Amino acid sequence: MAGTSTYTFTFDAGQCALGTTMDVEIIAPTIPTFTQIAPVCINGSAPTLPTTSDNGITGTWSPAIINTAVAGTSTYTFTPDAGLCATTTTMDITIDPAIQSTFTQLGSYCVGDTRRYLTREPQ
């Protein structure tokens, strides 16, 4: 638990010594925070995972590189560097699938026919 505790040292009977106290402060670990990475298109160029959190914690990611080869959501885990009073954290990153464009097949047209126009259908 975070906070300050006082520890008292007392000597064994018969020793020529004085007791003493020591305050020990326990600090709650910092949770690294990151700006969420927006979804990336499948096989797209992914950003590099930052090695320093928004609140100044340095560390490494596992996996270290965002894989855009497969659509779906993957969890990436950030581990703070040794010696920092910080916890691990995760980020879910989504790889969006490619969307197939679809159009209504048009019929046959006679050369010079001006009665029909090509229009784009809403997605």
PDB file of N, CA and C in Angstrom:
ATOM      1  N   MET A   1       0.844  -1.159   0.000  1.00  0.00           N
ATOM      2  CA  MET A   1       0.000   0.000   0.000  1.00  0.00           C
ATOM      3  C   MET A   1       0.902   1.238   0.000  1.00  0.00           C
ATOM      4  N   ALA A   2       0.512   2.249  -0.748  1.00  0.00           N
ATOM      5  CA  ALA A   2       1.278   3.486  -0.816  1.00  0.00           C
ATOM      6  C   ALA A   2       1.133   4.271   0.484  1.00  0.00           C
ATOM      7  N   GLY A   3       2.188   4.993   0.826  1.00  0.00           N
ATOM      8  CA  GLY A   3       2.178   5.812   2.030  1.00  0.00           C
ATOM      9  C   GLY A   3       3.513   5.715   2.753  1.00  0.00           C
ATOM     10  N   THR A   4       3.604   6.350   3.895  1.00  0.00           N
ATOM     11  CA  THR A   4       4.828   6.334   4.692  1.00  0.00           C
ATOM     12  C   THR A   4       4.598   5.523   5.955  1.00  0.00           C
ATOM     13  N   SER A   5       5.535   4.641   6.239  1.00  0.00           N
ATOM     14  CA  SER A   5       5.480   3.819   7.454  1.00  0.00           C
ATOM     15  C   SER A   5       6.740   4.071   8.268  1.00  0.00           C
ATOM     16  N   THR A   6       6.588   4.041   9.570  1.00  0.00           N
ATOM     17  CA  THR A   6       7.730   4.210  10.461  1.00  0.00           C
ATOM     18  C   THR A   6       8.103   2.852  11.035  1.00  0.00           C
ATOM     19  N   TYR A   7       9.395   2.519  10.931  1.00  0.00           N
ATOM     20  CA  TYR A   7       9.916   1.274  11.464  1.00  0.00           C
ATOM     21  C   TYR A   7      10.845   1.615  12.625  1.00  0.00           C
ATOM     22  N   THR A   8      10.731   0.842  13.712  1.00  0.00           N
ATOM     23  CA  THR A   8      11.529   1.085  14.914  1.00  0.00           C
ATOM     24  C   THR A   8      12.481  -0.074  15.135  1.00  0.00           C
ATOM     25  N   PHE A   9      13.753   0.282  15.344  1.00  0.00           N
ATOM     26  CA  PHE A   9      14.767  -0.721  15.663  1.00  0.00           C
ATOM     27  C   PHE A   9      15.009  -0.676  17.164  1.00  0.00           C
ATOM     28  N   THR A  10      14.876  -1.821  17.779  1.00  0.00           N
ATOM     29  CA  THR A  10      15.201  -1.917  19.200  1.00  0.00           C
ATOM     30  C   THR A  10      16.288  -2.969  19.356  1.00  0.00           C
ATOM     31  N   PHE A  11      17.178  -2.704  20.224  1.00  0.00           N
ATOM     32  CA  PHE A  11      18.311  -3.621  20.438  1.00  0.00           C
ATOM     33  C   PHE A  11      17.938  -4.699  21.442  1.00  0.00           C
ATOM     34  N   ASP A  12      18.690  -5.779  21.382  1.00  0.00           N
ATOM     35  CA  ASP A  12      18.486  -6.875  22.338  1.00  0.00           C
ATOM     36  C   ASP A  12      18.983  -6.447  23.713  1.00  0.00           C
ATOM     37  N   ALA A  13      18.360  -6.969  24.734  1.00  0.00           N
ATOM     38  CA  ALA A  13      18.756  -6.658  26.124  1.00  0.00           C
ATOM     39  C   ALA A  13      20.226  -7.004  26.339  1.00  0.00           C
ATOM     40  N   GLY A  14      20.894  -6.172  27.098  1.00  0.00           N
ATOM     41  CA  GLY A  14      22.282  -6.415  27.440  1.00  0.00           C
ATOM     42  C   GLY A  14      23.268  -5.812  26.455  1.00  0.00           C
ATOM     43  N   GLN A  15      22.798  -5.224  25.362  1.00  0.00           N
ATOM     44  CA  GLN A  15      23.702  -4.602  24.389  1.00  0.00           C
ATOM     45  C   GLN A  15      23.820  -3.115  24.690  1.00  0.00           C
ATOM     46  N   CYS A  16      24.969  -2.589  24.425  1.00  0.00           N
ATOM     47  CA  CYS A  16      25.196  -1.158  24.625  1.00  0.00           C
ATOM     48  C   CYS A  16      24.856  -0.464  23.313  1.00  0.00           C
ATOM     49  N   ALA A  17      23.583  -0.239  23.085  1.00  0.00           N
ATOM     50  CA  ALA A  17      23.126   0.342  21.817  1.00  0.00           C
ATOM     51  C   ALA A  17      21.885   1.170  22.056  1.00  0.00           C
ATOM     52  N   LEU A  18      21.610   2.038  21.117  1.00  0.00           N
ATOM     53  CA  LEU A  18      20.414   2.873  21.172  1.00  0.00           C
ATOM     54  C   LEU A  18      19.465   2.444  20.059  1.00  0.00           C
ATOM     55  N   GLY A  19      18.199   2.494  20.312  1.00  0.00           N
ATOM     56  CA  GLY A  19      17.215   2.206  19.273  1.00  0.00           C
ATOM     57  C   GLY A  19      17.092   3.393  18.324  1.00  0.00           C
ATOM     58  N   THR A  20      16.468   3.171  17.202  1.00  0.00           N
ATOM     59  CA  THR A  20      16.266   4.248  16.234  1.00  0.00           C
ATOM     60  C   THR A  20      15.009   3.960  15.422  1.00  0.00           C
ATOM     61  N   THR A  21      14.563   4.944  14.684  1.00  0.00           N
ATOM     62  CA  THR A  21      13.405   4.766  13.796  1.00  0.00           C
ATOM     63  C   THR A  21      13.791   5.178  12.385  1.00  0.00           C
ATOM     64  N   MET A  22      13.031   4.662  11.446  1.00  0.00           N
ATOM     65  CA  MET A  22      13.243   5.000  10.045  1.00  0.00           C
ATOM     66  C   MET A  22      11.883   5.105   9.370  1.00  0.00           C
ATOM     67  N   ASP A  23      11.679   6.192   8.637  1.00  0.00           N
ATOM     68  CA  ASP A  23      10.468   6.343   7.840  1.00  0.00           C
ATOM     69  C   ASP A  23      10.743   5.810   6.439  1.00  0.00           C
ATOM     70  N   VAL A  24       9.857   4.966   5.947  1.00  0.00           N
ATOM     71  CA  VAL A  24       9.977   4.405   4.607  1.00  0.00           C
ATOM     72  C   VAL A  24       8.737   4.813   3.821  1.00  0.00           C
ATOM     73  N   GLU A  25       8.986   5.456   2.695  1.00  0.00           N
ATOM     74  CA  GLU A  25       7.881   5.902   1.843  1.00  0.00           C
ATOM     75  C   GLU A  25       7.670   4.898   0.719  1.00  0.00           C
ATOM     76  N   ILE A  26       6.448   4.445   0.573  1.00  0.00           N
ATOM     77  CA  ILE A  26       6.060   3.546  -0.508  1.00  0.00           C
ATOM     78  C   ILE A  26       5.252   4.377  -1.503  1.00  0.00           C
ATOM     79  N   ILE A  27       5.739   4.413  -2.735  1.00  0.00           N
ATOM     80  CA  ILE A  27       5.112   5.234  -3.780  1.00  0.00           C
ATOM     81  C   ILE A  27       4.291   4.328  -4.696  1.00  0.00           C
ATOM     82  N   ALA A  28       3.078   4.746  -5.013  1.00  0.00           N
ATOM     83  CA  ALA A  28       2.246   3.996  -5.953  1.00  0.00           C
ATOM     84  C   ALA A  28       2.885   4.073  -7.340  1.00  0.00           C
ATOM     85  N   PRO A  29       2.935   2.964  -8.061  1.00  0.00           N
ATOM     86  CA  PRO A  29       3.547   2.988  -9.387  1.00  0.00           C
ATOM     87  C   PRO A  29       2.726   3.854 -10.353  1.00  0.00           C
ATOM     88  N   THR A  30       3.449   4.491 -11.266  1.00  0.00           N
ATOM     89  CA  THR A  30       2.817   5.305 -12.300  1.00  0.00           C
ATOM     90  C   THR A  30       2.294   4.385 -13.397  1.00  0.00           C
ATOM     91  N   ILE A  31       1.114   4.669 -13.886  1.00  0.00           N
ATOM     92  CA  ILE A  31       0.559   3.929 -15.018  1.00  0.00           C
ATOM     93  C   ILE A  31       0.900   4.716 -16.278  1.00  0.00           C
ATOM     94  N   PRO A  32       1.717   4.151 -17.175  1.00  0.00           N
ATOM     95  CA  PRO A  32       2.046   4.865 -18.406  1.00  0.00           C
ATOM     96  C   PRO A  32       0.781   5.121 -19.224  1.00  0.00           C
ATOM     97  N   THR A  33       0.674   6.319 -19.778  1.00  0.00           N
ATOM     98  CA  THR A  33      -0.481   6.658 -20.623  1.00  0.00           C
ATOM     99  C   THR A  33       0.009   6.984 -22.026  1.00  0.00           C
ATOM    100  N   PHE A  34      -0.793   6.620 -23.001  1.00  0.00           N
ATOM    101  CA  PHE A  34      -0.450   6.842 -24.405  1.00  0.00           C
ATOM    102  C   PHE A  34      -1.670   7.356 -25.152  1.00  0.00           C
ATOM    103  N   THR A  35      -1.420   8.142 -26.192  1.00  0.00           N
ATOM    104  CA  THR A  35      -2.486   8.549 -27.100  1.00  0.00           C
ATOM    105  C   THR A  35      -2.855   7.323 -27.935  1.00  0.00           C
ATOM    106  N   GLN A  36      -4.146   7.004 -27.975  1.00  0.00           N
ATOM    107  CA  GLN A  36      -4.608   5.825 -28.711  1.00  0.00           C
ATOM    108  C   GLN A  36      -4.250   5.953 -30.186  1.00  0.00           C
ATOM    109  N   ILE A  37      -3.710   4.885 -30.748  1.00  0.00           N
ATOM    110  CA  ILE A  37      -3.402   4.848 -32.181  1.00  0.00           C
ATOM    111  C   ILE A  37      -4.689   4.530 -32.925  1.00  0.00           C
ATOM    112  N   ALA A  38      -4.977   5.340 -33.937  1.00  0.00           N
ATOM    113  CA  ALA A  38      -6.196   5.170 -34.736  1.00  0.00           C
ATOM    114  C   ALA A  38      -6.108   3.885 -35.554  1.00  0.00           C
ATOM    115  N   PRO A  39      -7.262   3.334 -35.945  1.00  0.00           N
ATOM    116  CA  PRO A  39      -7.235   2.141 -36.792  1.00  0.00           C
ATOM    117  C   PRO A  39      -6.398   2.363 -38.056  1.00  0.00           C
ATOM    118  N   VAL A  40      -5.746   1.288 -38.496  1.00  0.00           N
ATOM    119  CA  VAL A  40      -4.873   1.314 -39.666  1.00  0.00           C
ATOM    120  C   VAL A  40      -5.469   0.370 -40.700  1.00  0.00           C
ATOM    121  N   CYS A  41      -5.373   0.736 -41.979  1.00  0.00           N
ATOM    122  CA  CYS A  41      -5.866  -0.137 -43.047  1.00  0.00           C
ATOM    123  C   CYS A  41      -4.966  -1.358 -43.187  1.00  0.00           C
ATOM    124  N   ILE A  42      -5.587  -2.475 -43.530  1.00  0.00           N
ATOM    125  CA  ILE A  42      -4.825  -3.700 -43.736  1.00  0.00           C
ATOM    126  C   ILE A  42      -3.714  -3.438 -44.752  1.00  0.00           C
ATOM    127  N   ASN A  43      -2.543  -3.938 -44.463  1.00  0.00           N
ATOM    128  CA  ASN A  43      -1.334  -3.763 -45.278  1.00  0.00           C
ATOM    129  C   ASN A  43      -0.917  -2.303 -45.406  1.00  0.00           C
ATOM    130  N   GLY A  44      -1.470  -1.444 -44.552  1.00  0.00           N
ATOM    131  CA  GLY A  44      -1.112  -0.028 -44.568  1.00  0.00           C
ATOM    132  C   GLY A  44       0.153   0.230 -43.780  1.00  0.00           C
ATOM    133  N   SER A  45       0.596   1.456 -43.834  1.00  0.00           N
ATOM    134  CA  SER A  45       1.782   1.881 -43.103  1.00  0.00           C
ATOM    135  C   SER A  45       1.366   2.243 -41.678  1.00  0.00           C
ATOM    136  N   ALA A  46       1.888   1.504 -40.713  1.00  0.00           N
ATOM    137  CA  ALA A  46       1.519   1.727 -39.312  1.00  0.00           C
ATOM    138  C   ALA A  46       2.520   2.676 -38.653  1.00  0.00           C
ATOM    139  N   PRO A  47       2.049   3.449 -37.680  1.00  0.00           N
ATOM    140  CA  PRO A  47       2.975   4.307 -36.947  1.00  0.00           C
ATOM    141  C   PRO A  47       3.878   3.464 -36.046  1.00  0.00           C
ATOM    142  N   THR A  48       4.965   4.056 -35.633  1.00  0.00           N
ATOM    143  CA  THR A  48       5.881   3.408 -34.687  1.00  0.00           C
ATOM    144  C   THR A  48       5.312   3.536 -33.280  1.00  0.00           C
ATOM    145  N   LEU A  49       5.380   2.469 -32.519  1.00  0.00           N
ATOM    146  CA  LEU A  49       4.938   2.527 -31.129  1.00  0.00           C
ATOM    147  C   LEU A  49       5.927   3.383 -30.339  1.00  0.00           C
ATOM    148  N   PRO A  50       5.424   4.365 -29.564  1.00  0.00           N
ATOM    149  CA  PRO A  50       6.330   5.263 -28.846  1.00  0.00           C
ATOM    150  C   PRO A  50       7.038   4.560 -27.682  1.00  0.00           C
ATOM    151  N   THR A  51       8.322   4.879 -27.488  1.00  0.00           N
ATOM    152  CA  THR A  51       9.086   4.273 -26.396  1.00  0.00           C
ATOM    153  C   THR A  51       9.055   5.127 -25.131  1.00  0.00           C
ATOM    154  N   THR A  52       8.380   6.275 -25.200  1.00  0.00           N
ATOM    155  CA  THR A  52       8.168   7.110 -24.014  1.00  0.00           C
ATOM    156  C   THR A  52       6.687   7.442 -23.939  1.00  0.00           C
ATOM    157  N   SER A  53       6.080   7.193 -22.782  1.00  0.00           N
ATOM    158  CA  SER A  53       4.651   7.459 -22.607  1.00  0.00           C
ATOM    159  C   SER A  53       4.393   8.953 -22.556  1.00  0.00           C
ATOM    160  N   ASP A  54       3.116   9.318 -22.667  1.00  0.00           N
ATOM    161  CA  ASP A  54       2.719  10.730 -22.585  1.00  0.00           C
ATOM    162  C   ASP A  54       3.097  11.331 -21.232  1.00  0.00           C
ATOM    163  N   ASN A  55       3.213  10.490 -20.192  1.00  0.00           N
ATOM    164  CA  ASN A  55       3.579  10.983 -18.868  1.00  0.00           C
ATOM    165  C   ASN A  55       5.030  10.656 -18.504  1.00  0.00           C
ATOM    166  N   GLY A  56       5.886  10.448 -19.528  1.00  0.00           N
ATOM    167  CA  GLY A  56       7.330  10.383 -19.331  1.00  0.00           C
ATOM    168  C   GLY A  56       7.946   9.060 -18.932  1.00  0.00           C
ATOM    169  N   ILE A  57       7.225   7.951 -19.036  1.00  0.00           N
ATOM    170  CA  ILE A  57       7.762   6.638 -18.682  1.00  0.00           C
ATOM    171  C   ILE A  57       8.372   6.007 -19.934  1.00  0.00           C
ATOM    172  N   THR A  58       9.627   5.563 -19.840  1.00  0.00           N
ATOM    173  CA  THR A  58      10.285   4.914 -20.974  1.00  0.00           C
ATOM    174  C   THR A  58      10.167   3.405 -20.842  1.00  0.00           C
ATOM    175  N   GLY A  59      10.173   2.718 -21.992  1.00  0.00           N
ATOM    176  CA  GLY A  59      10.062   1.269 -21.961  1.00  0.00           C
ATOM    177  C   GLY A  59       9.990   0.686 -23.357  1.00  0.00           C
ATOM    178  N   THR A  60       9.524  -0.555 -23.425  1.00  0.00           N
ATOM    179  CA  THR A  60       9.446  -1.279 -24.694  1.00  0.00           C
ATOM    180  C   THR A  60       8.070  -1.918 -24.857  1.00  0.00           C
ATOM    181  N   TRP A  61       7.733  -2.227 -26.117  1.00  0.00           N
ATOM    182  CA  TRP A  61       6.449  -2.844 -26.455  1.00  0.00           C
ATOM    183  C   TRP A  61       6.652  -4.293 -26.873  1.00  0.00           C
ATOM    184  N   SER A  62       5.628  -5.091 -26.629  1.00  0.00           N
ATOM    185  CA  SER A  62       5.600  -6.465 -27.124  1.00  0.00           C
ATOM    186  C   SER A  62       4.205  -6.740 -27.669  1.00  0.00           C
ATOM    187  N   PRO A  63       4.101  -7.091 -28.932  1.00  0.00           N
ATOM    188  CA  PRO A  63       5.127  -7.063 -29.965  1.00  0.00           C
ATOM    189  C   PRO A  63       5.649  -5.635 -30.177  1.00  0.00           C
ATOM    190  N   ALA A  64       6.849  -5.537 -30.748  1.00  0.00           N
ATOM    191  CA  ALA A  64       7.523  -4.245 -30.903  1.00  0.00           C
ATOM    192  C   ALA A  64       7.034  -3.456 -32.107  1.00  0.00           C
ATOM    193  N   ILE A  65       6.433  -4.145 -33.080  1.00  0.00           N
ATOM    194  CA  ILE A  65       6.001  -3.496 -34.329  1.00  0.00           C
ATOM    195  C   ILE A  65       4.541  -3.855 -34.592  1.00  0.00           C
ATOM    196  N   ILE A  66       3.781  -2.878 -35.071  1.00  0.00           N
ATOM    197  CA  ILE A  66       2.368  -3.111 -35.402  1.00  0.00           C
ATOM    198  C   ILE A  66       2.296  -3.908 -36.699  1.00  0.00           C
ATOM    199  N   ASN A  67       1.624  -5.049 -36.641  1.00  0.00           N
ATOM    200  CA  ASN A  67       1.462  -5.913 -37.802  1.00  0.00           C
ATOM    201  C   ASN A  67       0.163  -5.539 -38.509  1.00  0.00           C
ATOM    202  N   THR A  68       0.276  -5.084 -39.762  1.00  0.00           N
ATOM    203  CA  THR A  68      -0.915  -4.704 -40.522  1.00  0.00           C
ATOM    204  C   THR A  68      -1.324  -5.762 -41.544  1.00  0.00           C
ATOM    205  N   ALA A  69      -0.715  -6.943 -41.474  1.00  0.00           N
ATOM    206  CA  ALA A  69      -0.991  -7.987 -42.467  1.00  0.00           C
ATOM    207  C   ALA A  69      -2.325  -8.682 -42.255  1.00  0.00           C
ATOM    208  N   VAL A  70      -2.881  -8.600 -41.044  1.00  0.00           N
ATOM    209  CA  VAL A  70      -4.119  -9.316 -40.741  1.00  0.00           C
ATOM    210  C   VAL A  70      -5.112  -8.336 -40.111  1.00  0.00           C
ATOM    211  N   ALA A  71      -6.354  -8.355 -40.622  1.00  0.00           N
ATOM    212  CA  ALA A  71      -7.399  -7.494 -40.062  1.00  0.00           C
ATOM    213  C   ALA A  71      -7.815  -8.009 -38.689  1.00  0.00           C
ATOM    214  N   GLY A  72      -8.183  -7.068 -37.819  1.00  0.00           N
ATOM    215  CA  GLY A  72      -8.636  -7.428 -36.481  1.00  0.00           C
ATOM    216  C   GLY A  72      -7.994  -6.528 -35.446  1.00  0.00           C
ATOM    217  N   THR A  73      -8.241  -6.831 -34.190  1.00  0.00           N
ATOM    218  CA  THR A  73      -7.693  -6.044 -33.090  1.00  0.00           C
ATOM    219  C   THR A  73      -6.670  -6.878 -32.339  1.00  0.00           C
ATOM    220  N   SER A  74      -5.503  -6.298 -32.113  1.00  0.00           N
ATOM    221  CA  SER A  74      -4.431  -6.964 -31.375  1.00  0.00           C
ATOM    222  C   SER A  74      -4.048  -6.115 -30.171  1.00  0.00           C
ATOM    223  N   THR A  75      -3.614  -6.779 -29.116  1.00  0.00           N
ATOM    224  CA  THR A  75      -3.190  -6.098 -27.900  1.00  0.00           C
ATOM    225  C   THR A  75      -1.668  -6.009 -27.865  1.00  0.00           C
ATOM    226  N   TYR A  76      -1.169  -4.802 -27.610  1.00  0.00           N
ATOM    227  CA  TYR A  76       0.260  -4.541 -27.486  1.00  0.00           C
ATOM    228  C   TYR A  76       0.527  -4.159 -26.034  1.00  0.00           C
ATOM    229  N   THR A  77       1.582  -4.735 -25.442  1.00  0.00           N
ATOM    230  CA  THR A  77       1.888  -4.522 -24.032  1.00  0.00           C
ATOM    231  C   THR A  77       3.156  -3.690 -23.882  1.00  0.00           C
ATOM    232  N   PHE A  78       3.050  -2.606 -23.094  1.00  0.00           N
ATOM    233  CA  PHE A  78       4.180  -1.728 -22.805  1.00  0.00           C
ATOM    234  C   PHE A  78       4.743  -2.104 -21.442  1.00  0.00           C
ATOM    235  N   THR A  79       6.062  -2.368 -21.411  1.00  0.00           N
ATOM    236  CA  THR A  79       6.752  -2.688 -20.161  1.00  0.00           C
ATOM    237  C   THR A  79       7.746  -1.574 -19.853  1.00  0.00           C
ATOM    238  N   PRO A  80       7.588  -0.904 -18.718  1.00  0.00           N
ATOM    239  CA  PRO A  80       8.521   0.165 -18.351  1.00  0.00           C
ATOM    240  C   PRO A  80       9.941  -0.370 -18.172  1.00  0.00           C
ATOM    241  N   ASP A  81      10.919   0.508 -18.404  1.00  0.00           N
ATOM    242  CA  ASP A  81      12.314   0.145 -18.179  1.00  0.00           C
ATOM    243  C   ASP A  81      12.533  -0.231 -16.720  1.00  0.00           C
ATOM    244  N   ALA A  82      13.512  -1.113 -16.479  1.00  0.00           N
ATOM    245  CA  ALA A  82      13.845  -1.544 -15.123  1.00  0.00           C
ATOM    246  C   ALA A  82      14.210  -0.340 -14.258  1.00  0.00           C
ATOM    247  N   GLY A  83      13.811  -0.404 -13.017  1.00  0.00           N
ATOM    248  CA  GLY A  83      14.148   0.641 -12.066  1.00  0.00           C
ATOM    249  C   GLY A  83      13.142   1.771 -11.986  1.00  0.00           C
ATOM    250  N   LEU A  84      12.161   1.796 -12.882  1.00  0.00           N
ATOM    251  CA  LEU A  84      11.124   2.832 -12.833  1.00  0.00           C
ATOM    252  C   LEU A  84       9.964   2.323 -11.987  1.00  0.00           C
ATOM    253  N   CYS A  85       9.387   3.207 -11.230  1.00  0.00           N
ATOM    254  CA  CYS A  85       8.231   2.843 -10.414  1.00  0.00           C
ATOM    255  C   CYS A  85       6.985   3.030 -11.288  1.00  0.00           C
ATOM    256  N   ALA A  86       6.776   2.059 -12.183  1.00  0.00           N
ATOM    257  CA  ALA A  86       5.668   2.145 -13.135  1.00  0.00           C
ATOM    258  C   ALA A  86       5.169   0.741 -13.437  1.00  0.00           C
ATOM    259  N   THR A  87       3.921   0.654 -13.869  1.00  0.00           N
ATOM    260  CA  THR A  87       3.305  -0.634 -14.191  1.00  0.00           C
ATOM    261  C   THR A  87       3.273  -0.840 -15.698  1.00  0.00           C
ATOM    262  N   THR A  88       3.028  -2.070 -16.094  1.00  0.00           N
ATOM    263  CA  THR A  88       2.811  -2.338 -17.510  1.00  0.00           C
ATOM    264  C   THR A  88       1.438  -1.815 -17.890  1.00  0.00           C
ATOM    265  N   THR A  89       1.247  -1.584 -19.168  1.00  0.00           N
ATOM    266  CA  THR A  89      -0.060  -1.173 -19.665  1.00  0.00           C
ATOM    267  C   THR A  89      -0.231  -1.754 -21.061  1.00  0.00           C
ATOM    268  N   THR A  90      -1.446  -1.744 -21.561  1.00  0.00           N
ATOM    269  CA  THR A  90      -1.705  -2.300 -22.890  1.00  0.00           C
ATOM    270  C   THR A  90      -2.442  -1.287 -23.757  1.00  0.00           C
ATOM    271  N   MET A  91      -2.352  -1.527 -25.063  1.00  0.00           N
ATOM    272  CA  MET A  91      -3.115  -0.746 -26.030  1.00  0.00           C
ATOM    273  C   MET A  91      -3.639  -1.719 -27.082  1.00  0.00           C
ATOM    274  N   ASP A  92      -4.941  -1.650 -27.343  1.00  0.00           N
ATOM    275  CA  ASP A  92      -5.539  -2.438 -28.423  1.00  0.00           C
ATOM    276  C   ASP A  92      -5.485  -1.607 -29.698  1.00  0.00           C
ATOM    277  N   ILE A  93      -4.947  -2.215 -30.756  1.00  0.00           N
ATOM    278  CA  ILE A  93      -4.816  -1.524 -32.039  1.00  0.00           C
ATOM    279  C   ILE A  93      -5.588  -2.327 -33.079  1.00  0.00           C
ATOM    280  N   THR A  94      -6.424  -1.626 -33.836  1.00  0.00           N
ATOM    281  CA  THR A  94      -7.284  -2.273 -34.827  1.00  0.00           C
ATOM    282  C   THR A  94      -6.722  -2.099 -36.229  1.00  0.00           C
ATOM    283  N   ILE A  95      -6.709  -3.206 -36.966  1.00  0.00           N
ATOM    284  CA  ILE A  95      -6.350  -3.194 -38.382  1.00  0.00           C
ATOM    285  C   ILE A  95      -7.659  -3.424 -39.141  1.00  0.00           C
ATOM    286  N   ASP A  96      -8.059  -2.395 -39.901  1.00  0.00           N
ATOM    287  CA  ASP A  96      -9.323  -2.471 -40.641  1.00  0.00           C
ATOM    288  C   ASP A  96      -9.148  -3.263 -41.928  1.00  0.00           C
ATOM    289  N   PRO A  97     -10.160  -4.089 -42.277  1.00  0.00           N
ATOM    290  CA  PRO A  97     -10.093  -4.822 -43.544  1.00  0.00           C
ATOM    291  C   PRO A  97     -10.342  -3.866 -44.709  1.00  0.00           C
ATOM    292  N   ALA A  98      -9.881  -4.272 -45.876  1.00  0.00           N
ATOM    293  CA  ALA A  98     -10.165  -3.494 -47.082  1.00  0.00           C
ATOM    294  C   ALA A  98     -11.644  -3.656 -47.414  1.00  0.00           C
ATOM    295  N   ILE A  99     -12.262  -2.589 -47.850  1.00  0.00           N
ATOM    296  CA  ILE A  99     -13.672  -2.634 -48.220  1.00  0.00           C
ATOM    297  C   ILE A  99     -13.759  -2.725 -49.733  1.00  0.00           C
ATOM    298  N   GLN A 100     -14.444  -3.742 -50.190  1.00  0.00           N
ATOM    299  CA  GLN A 100     -14.611  -3.933 -51.626  1.00  0.00           C
ATOM    300  C   GLN A 100     -15.627  -2.938 -52.153  1.00  0.00           C
ATOM    301  N   SER A 101     -15.235  -2.148 -53.148  1.00  0.00           N
ATOM    302  CA  SER A 101     -16.178  -1.218 -53.775  1.00  0.00           C
ATOM    303  C   SER A 101     -17.182  -2.026 -54.588  1.00  0.00           C
ATOM    304  N   THR A 102     -18.446  -1.618 -54.508  1.00  0.00           N
ATOM    305  CA  THR A 102     -19.473  -2.307 -55.284  1.00  0.00           C
ATOM    306  C   THR A 102     -20.293  -1.282 -56.058  1.00  0.00           C
ATOM    307  N   PHE A 103     -20.687  -1.660 -57.224  1.00  0.00           N
ATOM    308  CA  PHE A 103     -21.506  -0.809 -58.077  1.00  0.00           C
ATOM    309  C   PHE A 103     -22.586  -1.669 -58.715  1.00  0.00           C
ATOM    310  N   THR A 104     -23.709  -1.063 -59.020  1.00  0.00           N
ATOM    311  CA  THR A 104     -24.756  -1.763 -59.743  1.00  0.00           C
ATOM    312  C   THR A 104     -24.329  -1.852 -61.200  1.00  0.00           C
ATOM    313  N   GLN A 105     -24.397  -3.065 -61.740  1.00  0.00           N
ATOM    314  CA  GLN A 105     -24.000  -3.268 -63.128  1.00  0.00           C
ATOM    315  C   GLN A 105     -24.947  -2.498 -64.037  1.00  0.00           C
ATOM    316  N   LEU A 106     -24.384  -1.747 -64.961  1.00  0.00           N
ATOM    317  CA  LEU A 106     -25.188  -0.988 -65.918  1.00  0.00           C
ATOM    318  C   LEU A 106     -25.510  -1.846 -67.123  1.00  0.00           C
ATOM    319  N   GLY A 107     -26.613  -1.520 -67.784  1.00  0.00           N
ATOM    320  CA  GLY A 107     -27.016  -2.259 -68.979  1.00  0.00           C
ATOM    321  C   GLY A 107     -26.234  -1.796 -70.202  1.00  0.00           C
ATOM    322  N   SER A 108     -26.674  -2.256 -71.326  1.00  0.00           N
ATOM    323  CA  SER A 108     -26.052  -1.867 -72.592  1.00  0.00           C
ATOM    324  C   SER A 108     -26.587  -0.510 -73.014  1.00  0.00           C
ATOM    325  N   TYR A 109     -25.755   0.253 -73.716  1.00  0.00           N
ATOM    326  CA  TYR A 109     -26.130   1.590 -74.181  1.00  0.00           C
ATOM    327  C   TYR A 109     -25.801   1.710 -75.648  1.00  0.00           C
ATOM    328  N   CYS A 110     -26.583   2.458 -76.301  1.00  0.00           N
ATOM    329  CA  CYS A 110     -26.374   2.720 -77.709  1.00  0.00           C
ATOM    330  C   CYS A 110     -25.468   3.947 -77.845  1.00  0.00           C
ATOM    331  N   VAL A 111     -24.536   3.919 -78.776  1.00  0.00           N
ATOM    332  CA  VAL A 111     -23.664   5.072 -79.007  1.00  0.00           C
ATOM    333  C   VAL A 111     -24.528   6.303 -79.226  1.00  0.00           C
ATOM    334  N   GLY A 112     -24.215   7.373 -78.495  1.00  0.00           N
ATOM    335  CA  GLY A 112     -24.942   8.628 -78.624  1.00  0.00           C
ATOM    336  C   GLY A 112     -26.167   8.736 -77.741  1.00  0.00           C
ATOM    337  N   ASP A 113     -26.509   7.675 -77.005  1.00  0.00           N
ATOM    338  CA  ASP A 113     -27.671   7.710 -76.114  1.00  0.00           C
ATOM    339  C   ASP A 113     -27.399   8.681 -74.973  1.00  0.00           C
ATOM    340  N   THR A 114     -28.252   9.679 -74.801  1.00  0.00           N
ATOM    341  CA  THR A 114     -28.054  10.692 -73.762  1.00  0.00           C
ATOM    342  C   THR A 114     -29.096  10.591 -72.660  1.00  0.00           C
ATOM    343  N   ARG A 115     -29.915   9.566 -72.655  1.00  0.00           N
ATOM    344  CA  ARG A 115     -30.992   9.460 -71.678  1.00  0.00           C
ATOM    345  C   ARG A 115     -30.512   8.926 -70.323  1.00  0.00           C
ATOM    346  N   ARG A 116     -29.393   8.263 -70.251  1.00  0.00           N
ATOM    347  CA  ARG A 116     -28.915   7.696 -68.990  1.00  0.00           C
ATOM    348  C   ARG A 116     -27.559   8.297 -68.645  1.00  0.00           C
ATOM    349  N   TYR A 117     -27.378   8.466 -67.361  1.00  0.00           N
ATOM    350  CA  TYR A 117     -26.122   9.032 -66.884  1.00  0.00           C
ATOM    351  C   TYR A 117     -25.529   8.098 -65.837  1.00  0.00           C
ATOM    352  N   LEU A 118     -24.221   8.045 -65.811  1.00  0.00           N
ATOM    353  CA  LEU A 118     -23.569   7.276 -64.767  1.00  0.00           C
ATOM    354  C   LEU A 118     -23.618   8.090 -63.480  1.00  0.00           C
ATOM    355  N   THR A 119     -24.055   7.453 -62.423  1.00  0.00           N
ATOM    356  CA  THR A 119     -24.076   8.140 -61.138  1.00  0.00           C
ATOM    357  C   THR A 119     -23.372   7.257 -60.112  1.00  0.00           C
ATOM    358  N   ARG A 120     -22.817   7.874 -59.161  1.00  0.00           N
ATOM    359  CA  ARG A 120     -22.130   7.147 -58.084  1.00  0.00           C
ATOM    360  C   ARG A 120     -23.148   6.857 -56.992  1.00  0.00           C
ATOM    361  N   GLU A 121     -23.210   5.585 -56.596  1.00  0.00           N
ATOM    362  CA  GLU A 121     -24.120   5.211 -55.530  1.00  0.00           C
ATOM    363  C   GLU A 121     -23.437   5.445 -54.195  1.00  0.00           C
ATOM    364  N   PRO A 122     -24.192   5.905 -53.202  1.00  0.00           N
ATOM    365  CA  PRO A 122     -23.591   6.093 -51.876  1.00  0.00           C
ATOM    366  C   PRO A 122     -23.086   4.785 -51.306  1.00  0.00           C
ATOM    367  N   GLN A 123     -22.016   4.857 -50.517  1.00  0.00           N
ATOM    368  CA  GLN A 123     -21.416   3.680 -49.883  1.00  0.00           C
ATOM    369  C   GLN A 123     -22.167   3.337 -48.640  1.00  0.00           C
TER     370      GLN A 123
END
